[in-house]
């Protein structure tokens, strides 16, 4: 293959760092269907704040929503979202649409590498036939494919694209060598060559499935220990003194990876006539935690003799994790909706989230001004703005009520408010 000419399709929290990293070494065409997103990036502004303005400097990159400009590339990297639908089944529409777009400009000798999370077999079973049909070319003979799972962690500046081990795979040995060489141009860490595309796809799926199951265990332990009047974090702290105890904690599991990826694996398992019981039970536990916390809050309010229909609760944080803007697949929304169904008056405050996007996605608004008469505060997302405060900080909003500190950051520091954590 000649010098790689890179095109990145999908400029979200995965695709943008990839595009900018390659653009420091090579010419890059960065494509997204969102015209507003393209315009913002052309002005070196990432409205999601995943990438700082300085990271655009020195990048030879063209941001575009014109698919015809993809023709100048010969190495395509696909980094579009792979969500689930309302029935918790894989929604491959963004992936397949991107594949159609590439197929229409594909040329002999080109490479297509998928980074989007998929189930094992998806690249070869779903994407390759589309590329062949749209291009009129033959896979292996005329063009080649690979899979390299993304490992971007939003908000994490330490484990960035170039600094973590990169898993790569190819449709044959030549493809593997070329894909490895191309990623080595920008990856500073090790590159691991998977034996096949399916192995690389499966590796990505189980990375997050493993985390999901471990967190589900912590959530179930939290429910059990609550009934025993034992603080879960004190138990984990004690157990953590053993050298091989794994460091996981309970919480609301949302986001694009842990809360979504296992459903891709269970979907494929069912196609293979196997019912993946452990994975699905873990998913059920984690998906139900918003309702669990809401019911616990109702119980705590009732124990404080607060009439539920008059109760005022402040929920701090709506994004899917701390210190990011992204609200998609936030399990805090499940908590808010469950409280509202109990007729509780809920204010949601998040200095990082977008008000219009939250209203459009979940049907409720964020507040700008906090009251001073809340019956309870739920610290749901521990943004840095919410940490390292004293008890008086919370009491100015909730003078004599409840602080539900889901991640246990204020354990042992709250004396006047009624304190609870998972």
Protein backbone atom coordinates (compact mmCIF):
# COMPACT_ATOMS: atom_id res chain seq x y z
CA UNK A 1 0.00 0.00 0.00
CA UNK A 2 1.14 3.54 -0.76
CA UNK A 3 1.33 6.19 1.96
CA UNK A 4 -1.96 5.97 3.88
CA UNK A 5 -4.44 8.73 3.16
CA UNK A 6 -6.75 8.61 6.13
CA UNK A 7 -10.48 9.21 6.32
CA UNK A 8 -12.29 9.02 9.66
CA UNK A 9 -16.05 8.55 9.54
CA UNK A 10 -17.82 9.69 12.70
CA UNK A 11 -16.43 12.56 14.79
CA UNK A 12 -17.75 11.86 18.25
CA UNK A 13 -15.73 11.17 21.38
CA UNK A 14 -14.02 8.25 19.56
CA UNK A 15 -13.53 9.52 16.03
CA UNK A 16 -12.29 13.04 16.75
CA UNK A 17 -9.21 12.05 18.78
CA UNK A 18 -8.35 9.43 16.14
CA UNK A 19 -8.64 11.96 13.33
CA UNK A 20 -6.53 14.58 15.11
CA UNK A 21 -3.83 12.06 16.04
CA UNK A 22 -3.40 10.94 12.43
CA UNK A 23 -3.61 14.54 11.19
CA UNK A 24 -0.39 15.33 13.05
CA UNK A 25 1.35 12.85 10.72
CA UNK A 26 -0.78 12.58 7.57
CA UNK A 27 -3.50 14.32 5.58
CA UNK A 28 -6.92 13.39 7.07
CA UNK A 29 -10.45 13.79 5.78
CA UNK A 30 -12.73 13.87 8.84
CA UNK A 31 -16.36 13.14 7.94
CA UNK A 32 -19.58 13.48 9.92
CA UNK A 33 -23.20 13.77 8.82
CA UNK A 34 -23.86 16.47 11.46
CA UNK A 35 -23.35 19.80 9.67
CA UNK A 36 -23.29 21.80 12.92
CA UNK A 37 -20.65 19.47 14.34
CA UNK A 38 -18.50 19.83 11.22
CA UNK A 39 -18.74 23.63 11.31
CA UNK A 40 -17.76 23.77 15.00
CA UNK A 41 -14.77 21.50 14.45
CA UNK A 42 -13.68 23.54 11.44
CA UNK A 43 -13.49 26.46 13.86
CA UNK A 44 -11.46 24.26 16.23
CA UNK A 45 -14.28 24.09 18.76
CA UNK A 46 -15.37 20.80 20.31
CA UNK A 47 -18.73 21.65 21.85
CA UNK A 48 -18.60 18.40 23.84
CA UNK A 49 -15.30 19.49 25.43
CA UNK A 50 -13.66 16.11 24.88
CA UNK A 51 -10.83 17.75 22.93
CA UNK A 52 -9.16 21.05 23.80
CA UNK A 53 -8.53 23.74 21.18
CA UNK A 54 -4.76 23.30 21.38
CA UNK A 55 -5.08 19.74 20.08
CA UNK A 56 -6.24 21.07 16.69
CA UNK A 57 -2.96 22.94 16.19
CA UNK A 58 -0.63 21.49 13.56
CA UNK A 59 -3.29 19.09 12.27
CA UNK A 60 -3.57 18.62 8.48
CA UNK A 61 -7.28 17.90 8.56
CA UNK A 62 -10.37 18.66 6.51
CA UNK A 63 -13.67 18.50 8.37
CA UNK A 64 -16.57 17.81 6.03
CA UNK A 65 -20.08 16.41 5.65
CA UNK A 66 -19.60 15.97 1.89
CA UNK A 67 -19.16 12.22 1.22
CA UNK A 68 -17.63 12.83 -2.23
CA UNK A 69 -14.50 14.17 -0.52
CA UNK A 70 -13.87 10.73 0.96
CA UNK A 71 -12.65 9.61 -2.46
CA UNK A 72 -9.19 11.02 -1.82
CA UNK A 73 -8.62 8.52 1.02
CA UNK A 74 -7.39 4.96 0.78
CA UNK A 75 -7.59 3.98 4.46
CA UNK A 76 -11.01 4.42 6.08
CA UNK A 77 -11.58 4.29 9.84
CA UNK A 78 -15.21 3.91 10.97
CA UNK A 79 -15.99 5.31 14.43
CA UNK A 80 -19.75 5.86 14.42
CA UNK A 81 -22.07 5.10 17.37
CA UNK A 82 -23.47 1.60 17.83
CA UNK A 83 -26.35 2.05 20.29
CA UNK A 84 -29.22 -0.22 21.28
CA UNK A 85 -32.88 0.34 20.47
CA UNK A 86 -35.89 0.51 22.77
CA UNK A 87 -35.96 -3.29 22.92
CA UNK A 88 -32.27 -3.41 23.93
CA UNK A 89 -31.26 -4.90 20.61
CA UNK A 90 -28.28 -3.69 18.54
CA UNK A 91 -29.09 -0.64 16.44
CA UNK A 92 -26.71 -0.95 13.51
CA UNK A 93 -28.24 1.81 11.39
CA UNK A 94 -25.39 4.34 11.94
CA UNK A 95 -22.78 1.66 11.22
CA UNK A 96 -24.48 0.31 8.13
CA UNK A 97 -25.18 3.82 6.79
CA UNK A 98 -21.50 4.69 7.19
CA UNK A 99 -20.58 1.46 5.41
CA UNK A 100 -22.87 2.34 2.47
CA UNK A 101 -21.20 5.76 2.29
CA UNK A 102 -17.71 4.24 2.14
CA UNK A 103 -18.78 1.58 -0.35
CA UNK A 104 -19.80 4.26 -2.84
CA UNK A 105 -16.27 5.73 -2.91
CA UNK A 106 -14.24 2.53 -2.36
CA UNK A 107 -11.42 1.84 -4.83
CA UNK A 108 -9.11 -1.06 -5.56
CA UNK A 109 -6.39 -1.34 -2.94
CA UNK A 110 -8.36 0.49 -0.23
CA UNK A 111 -8.64 -0.54 3.41
CA UNK A 112 -11.61 -0.19 5.73
CA UNK A 113 -11.07 -0.56 9.48
CA UNK A 114 -14.00 -0.56 11.90
CA UNK A 115 -13.58 0.77 15.44
CA UNK A 116 -17.27 0.90 16.38
CA UNK A 117 -18.30 -1.67 18.98
CA UNK A 118 -20.10 -4.64 17.41
CA UNK A 119 -20.86 -8.28 18.14
CA UNK A 120 -18.38 -10.93 16.93
CA UNK A 121 -18.92 -11.54 13.23
CA UNK A 122 -20.61 -8.23 12.43
CA UNK A 123 -17.79 -6.79 10.31
CA UNK A 124 -17.61 -9.78 8.00
CA UNK A 125 -21.30 -10.72 8.04
CA UNK A 126 -22.93 -7.27 7.83
CA UNK A 127 -20.41 -4.70 6.62
CA UNK A 128 -18.33 -6.54 4.02
CA UNK A 129 -21.34 -7.48 1.83
CA UNK A 130 -22.44 -3.82 1.78
CA UNK A 131 -18.96 -2.69 0.75
CA UNK A 132 -18.91 -5.26 -2.06
CA UNK A 133 -22.39 -4.37 -3.32
CA UNK A 134 -21.88 -0.59 -3.27
CA UNK A 135 -18.41 -0.67 -4.81
CA UNK A 136 -18.75 -3.60 -7.21
CA UNK A 137 -15.40 -4.80 -5.82
CA UNK A 138 -14.45 -8.14 -4.30
CA UNK A 139 -13.32 -8.42 -0.69
CA UNK A 140 -9.76 -9.76 -0.21
CA UNK A 141 -9.06 -9.44 -3.94
CA UNK A 142 -9.83 -5.74 -4.46
CA UNK A 143 -10.08 -4.24 -0.98
CA UNK A 144 -9.35 -5.35 2.57
CA UNK A 145 -10.85 -4.87 5.99
CA UNK A 146 -9.91 -4.96 9.64
CA UNK A 147 -11.24 -4.31 13.08
CA UNK A 148 -9.55 -2.32 15.83
CA UNK A 149 -11.69 -1.80 18.93
CA UNK A 150 -11.86 1.70 20.33
CA UNK A 151 -10.80 2.19 23.95
CA UNK A 152 -11.55 5.88 24.39
CA UNK A 153 -12.67 6.79 27.90
CA UNK A 154 -14.45 10.18 27.83
CA UNK A 155 -12.96 12.68 30.26
CA UNK A 156 -9.83 10.57 30.79
CA UNK A 157 -6.74 12.50 29.67
CA UNK A 158 -4.31 9.81 30.87
CA UNK A 159 -5.62 6.83 28.88
CA UNK A 160 -5.85 8.61 25.54
CA UNK A 161 -5.90 7.15 22.03
CA UNK A 162 -2.14 7.23 21.44
CA UNK A 163 -1.10 6.14 24.94
CA UNK A 164 -2.90 2.83 25.41
CA UNK A 165 -2.34 -0.59 23.86
CA UNK A 166 -4.05 -0.80 20.48
CA UNK A 167 -5.63 -4.08 19.41
CA UNK A 168 -5.67 -4.56 15.64
CA UNK A 169 -6.87 -7.30 13.30
CA UNK A 170 -7.13 -7.89 9.58
CA UNK A 171 -8.95 -10.04 7.07
CA UNK A 172 -5.65 -11.70 6.10
CA UNK A 173 -1.96 -11.49 6.98
CA UNK A 174 -1.28 -8.71 4.47
CA UNK A 175 -4.14 -6.64 5.85
CA UNK A 176 -2.93 -7.19 9.40
CA UNK A 177 0.56 -5.99 8.47
CA UNK A 178 -0.73 -2.87 6.70
CA UNK A 179 -3.20 -1.99 9.46
CA UNK A 180 -0.50 -2.49 12.10
CA UNK A 181 1.92 -0.27 10.19
CA UNK A 182 -0.69 2.47 9.79
CA UNK A 183 -1.64 2.59 13.46
CA UNK A 184 2.05 2.46 14.45
CA UNK A 185 2.41 5.87 12.83
CA UNK A 186 0.51 7.42 15.74
CA UNK A 187 0.26 4.90 18.58
CA UNK A 188 2.98 5.43 21.20
CA UNK A 189 2.03 2.36 23.23
CA UNK A 190 2.09 -1.31 22.21
CA UNK A 191 0.06 -2.77 19.37
CA UNK A 192 -1.50 -6.17 19.89
CA UNK A 193 -2.23 -8.25 16.80
CA UNK A 194 -5.39 -10.29 17.27
CA UNK A 195 -5.59 -13.57 15.39
CA UNK A 196 -8.80 -12.64 13.58
CA UNK A 197 -11.41 -9.92 13.18
CA UNK A 198 -13.88 -11.93 15.28
CA UNK A 199 -11.39 -12.22 18.14
CA UNK A 200 -10.83 -8.45 18.14
CA UNK A 201 -14.59 -7.81 18.06
CA UNK A 202 -15.12 -10.24 20.94
CA UNK A 203 -12.29 -8.73 22.99
CA UNK A 204 -13.96 -5.33 22.89
CA UNK A 205 -17.31 -6.75 23.95
CA UNK A 206 -15.98 -8.65 26.96
CA UNK A 207 -13.90 -5.72 28.25
CA UNK A 208 -17.09 -3.88 29.11
CA UNK A 209 -19.18 -6.96 29.87
CA UNK A 210 -16.67 -7.90 32.56
CA UNK A 211 -16.93 -4.45 34.14
CA UNK A 212 -20.71 -4.57 33.90
CA UNK A 213 -20.88 -7.87 35.76
CA UNK A 214 -18.47 -6.75 38.46
CA UNK A 215 -20.46 -3.57 39.08
CA UNK A 216 -23.68 -5.60 39.08
CA UNK A 217 -22.20 -7.75 41.85
CA UNK A 218 -21.36 -4.62 43.85
CA UNK A 219 -24.89 -3.28 43.33
CA UNK A 220 -26.42 -6.53 44.52
CA UNK A 221 -24.10 -6.56 47.54
CA UNK A 222 -25.16 -2.98 48.28
CA UNK A 223 -28.82 -4.04 48.30
CA UNK A 224 -28.03 -6.95 50.61
CA UNK A 225 -25.85 -4.92 52.98
CA UNK A 226 -28.49 -2.20 53.15
CA UNK A 227 -30.87 -4.75 54.69
CA UNK A 228 -28.15 -5.71 57.16
CA UNK A 229 -27.52 -2.07 58.10
CA UNK A 230 -23.91 -2.34 56.87
CA UNK A 231 -22.21 0.38 54.82
CA UNK A 232 -21.09 -1.16 51.52
CA UNK A 233 -18.07 1.11 51.14
CA UNK A 234 -16.79 0.14 54.58
CA UNK A 235 -17.08 -3.51 53.57
CA UNK A 236 -15.25 -2.89 50.28
CA UNK A 237 -12.54 -0.95 52.08
CA UNK A 238 -11.93 -3.85 54.44
CA UNK A 239 -12.07 -6.49 51.70
CA UNK A 240 -9.75 -4.40 49.55
CA UNK A 241 -6.86 -5.10 51.91
CA UNK A 242 -6.59 -8.56 50.31
CA UNK A 243 -4.03 -8.51 47.52
CA UNK A 244 -6.24 -9.98 44.81
CA UNK A 245 -9.56 -8.33 45.65
CA UNK A 246 -10.90 -6.44 42.61
CA UNK A 247 -11.61 -2.73 43.07
CA UNK A 248 -15.20 -2.14 41.94
CA UNK A 249 -17.98 -0.13 43.56
CA UNK A 250 -21.77 0.14 43.23
CA UNK A 251 -23.42 2.83 41.15
CA UNK A 252 -25.70 3.81 38.28
CA UNK A 253 -24.26 2.23 35.15
CA UNK A 254 -24.97 4.28 32.03
CA UNK A 255 -22.99 5.48 29.05
CA UNK A 256 -22.23 4.05 25.64
CA UNK A 257 -20.06 1.14 26.70
CA UNK A 258 -20.85 -0.68 29.93
CA UNK A 259 -24.60 -0.12 29.68
CA UNK A 260 -24.79 -1.03 25.98
CA UNK A 261 -22.05 -3.42 24.85
CA UNK A 262 -23.23 -6.51 26.76
CA UNK A 263 -26.50 -6.44 24.81
CA UNK A 264 -24.53 -6.89 21.58
CA UNK A 265 -22.98 -10.06 22.97
CA UNK A 266 -26.26 -11.42 24.35
CA UNK A 267 -27.95 -10.71 21.00
CA UNK A 268 -25.37 -12.81 19.16
CA UNK A 269 -25.43 -15.52 21.81
CA UNK A 270 -29.20 -15.92 21.38
CA UNK A 271 -28.69 -16.19 17.62
CA UNK A 272 -26.38 -19.10 18.39
CA UNK A 273 -29.15 -20.74 20.45
CA UNK A 274 -27.55 -19.98 23.82
CA UNK A 275 -29.23 -18.04 26.60
CA UNK A 276 -26.52 -15.95 28.35
CA UNK A 277 -28.02 -16.00 31.85
CA UNK A 278 -25.20 -14.44 33.90
CA UNK A 279 -24.73 -11.49 31.55
CA UNK A 280 -28.45 -10.75 31.34
CA UNK A 281 -28.92 -10.96 35.11
CA UNK A 282 -26.07 -8.50 35.56
CA UNK A 283 -27.69 -6.18 33.05
CA UNK A 284 -31.04 -6.49 34.82
CA UNK A 285 -29.49 -5.55 38.16
CA UNK A 286 -27.67 -2.52 36.77
CA UNK A 287 -30.64 -1.37 34.70
CA UNK A 288 -32.89 -1.50 37.78
CA UNK A 289 -30.68 0.59 40.08
CA UNK A 290 -32.37 3.89 39.21
CA UNK A 291 -35.70 2.48 40.41
CA UNK A 292 -34.02 1.01 43.48
CA UNK A 293 -32.52 4.36 44.52
CA UNK A 294 -35.86 6.13 43.88
CA UNK A 295 -37.71 3.65 46.13
CA UNK A 296 -35.03 4.07 48.80
CA UNK A 297 -35.43 7.84 48.66
CA UNK A 298 -39.20 7.52 49.10
CA UNK A 299 -38.63 5.26 52.12
CA UNK A 300 -36.12 7.71 53.64
CA UNK A 301 -38.46 10.66 53.11
CA UNK A 302 -41.32 8.79 54.72
CA UNK A 303 -39.09 7.91 57.66
CA UNK A 304 -38.48 11.66 58.08
CA UNK A 305 -42.27 12.24 58.08
CA UNK A 306 -42.13 14.11 54.80
CA UNK A 307 -45.34 13.72 52.72
CA UNK A 308 -44.19 12.30 49.40
CA UNK A 309 -46.43 14.47 47.23
CA UNK A 310 -44.96 17.58 48.87
CA UNK A 311 -41.37 16.35 48.98
CA UNK A 312 -38.70 18.40 47.23
CA UNK A 313 -35.58 16.58 46.05
CA UNK A 314 -32.50 18.01 44.37
CA UNK A 315 -30.62 15.62 42.07
CA UNK A 316 -27.05 16.76 41.45
CA UNK A 317 -25.75 15.55 38.10
CA UNK A 318 -27.44 14.08 35.02
CA UNK A 319 -24.54 13.16 32.73
CA UNK A 320 -23.70 9.48 32.29
CA UNK A 321 -20.47 9.86 34.31
CA UNK A 322 -18.54 12.49 36.18
CA UNK A 323 -16.74 15.41 34.54
CA UNK A 324 -18.23 15.01 31.05
CA UNK A 325 -21.05 16.81 29.22
CA UNK A 326 -22.62 13.74 27.65
CA UNK A 327 -26.10 12.88 28.90
CA UNK A 328 -26.80 9.99 26.53
CA UNK A 329 -27.87 6.75 28.20
CA UNK A 330 -27.71 8.33 31.65
CA UNK A 331 -29.14 6.09 34.34
CA UNK A 332 -29.66 9.16 36.52
CA UNK A 333 -32.55 9.92 34.21
CA UNK A 334 -34.15 6.62 35.29
CA UNK A 335 -33.88 7.78 38.90
CA UNK A 336 -35.43 11.18 38.14
CA UNK A 337 -38.29 9.69 36.16
CA UNK A 338 -38.97 7.11 38.89
CA UNK A 339 -39.10 9.86 41.54
CA UNK A 340 -41.47 11.91 39.41
CA UNK A 341 -43.74 8.87 39.03
CA UNK A 342 -43.91 8.78 42.84
CA UNK A 343 -45.16 12.41 42.65
CA UNK A 344 -41.96 13.77 44.21
CA UNK A 345 -41.01 17.32 43.15
CA UNK A 346 -37.58 16.97 41.56
CA UNK A 347 -35.05 19.62 40.56
CA UNK A 348 -32.09 18.46 38.51
CA UNK A 349 -28.91 20.51 38.50
CA UNK A 350 -25.84 19.86 36.39
CA UNK A 351 -23.35 22.60 35.48
CA UNK A 352 -21.91 20.48 32.66
CA UNK A 353 -25.04 19.23 30.87
CA UNK A 354 -26.88 21.06 28.09
CA UNK A 355 -30.39 22.16 29.11
CA UNK A 356 -31.98 21.88 25.69
CA UNK A 357 -30.45 18.48 25.01
CA UNK A 358 -31.61 17.18 28.40
CA UNK A 359 -35.17 18.37 27.79
CA UNK A 360 -35.20 16.85 24.33
CA UNK A 361 -33.72 13.52 25.46
CA UNK A 362 -35.56 12.96 28.75
CA UNK A 363 -38.49 15.36 28.87
CA UNK A 364 -37.44 17.33 31.95
CA UNK A 365 -35.51 20.57 32.41
CA UNK A 366 -32.40 21.46 34.38
CA UNK A 367 -32.55 24.24 36.95
CA UNK A 368 -30.18 27.19 37.18
CA UNK A 369 -31.25 28.49 40.59
CA UNK A 370 -31.31 26.20 43.63
CA UNK A 371 -33.84 26.50 46.43
CA UNK A 372 -33.07 26.44 50.16
CA UNK A 373 -35.83 24.09 51.28
CA UNK A 374 -35.10 20.69 49.73
CA UNK A 375 -36.04 17.67 51.79
CA UNK A 376 -33.28 15.60 50.21
CA UNK A 377 -30.27 15.89 47.96
CA UNK A 378 -29.10 13.03 45.74
CA UNK A 379 -25.45 13.42 44.76
CA UNK A 380 -25.82 11.22 41.68
CA UNK A 381 -22.83 12.25 39.54
CA UNK A 382 -19.68 13.30 41.44
CA UNK A 383 -18.47 16.11 39.16
CA UNK A 384 -15.40 17.88 40.54
CA UNK A 385 -17.64 20.90 41.18
CA UNK A 386 -19.56 18.82 43.75
CA UNK A 387 -16.59 17.39 45.64
CA UNK A 388 -14.44 18.62 48.52
CA UNK A 389 -17.32 20.57 50.06
CA UNK A 390 -18.21 20.71 53.75
CA UNK A 391 -21.58 19.81 55.22
CA UNK A 392 -22.67 23.46 55.32
CA UNK A 393 -22.48 23.54 51.53
CA UNK A 394 -25.29 20.96 51.31
CA UNK A 395 -27.23 22.38 54.27
CA UNK A 396 -27.67 25.74 52.53
CA UNK A 397 -29.97 23.88 50.11
CA UNK A 398 -31.25 21.19 52.47
CA UNK A 399 -31.10 22.44 56.08
CA UNK A 400 -32.33 19.36 57.94
CA UNK A 401 -33.00 16.63 55.41
CA UNK A 402 -31.25 13.77 53.66
CA UNK A 403 -28.01 13.54 51.69
CA UNK A 404 -27.96 10.49 49.42
CA UNK A 405 -24.32 10.29 48.34
CA UNK A 406 -24.48 7.41 45.86
CA UNK A 407 -20.73 6.93 45.43
CA UNK A 408 -19.85 7.44 49.09
CA UNK A 409 -17.58 10.46 48.67
CA UNK A 410 -18.78 12.11 51.91
CA UNK A 411 -18.86 8.99 54.07
CA UNK A 412 -17.92 9.89 57.65
CA UNK A 413 -18.13 13.64 56.97
CA UNK A 414 -21.86 14.28 57.32
CA UNK A 415 -23.10 14.67 60.92
CA UNK A 416 -26.26 16.82 60.85
CA UNK A 417 -28.00 15.62 57.71
CA UNK A 418 -29.34 12.08 57.43
CA UNK A 419 -26.67 10.35 55.34
CA UNK A 420 -27.10 7.40 52.97
CA UNK A 421 -24.98 5.85 50.24
CA UNK A 422 -25.14 2.74 48.09
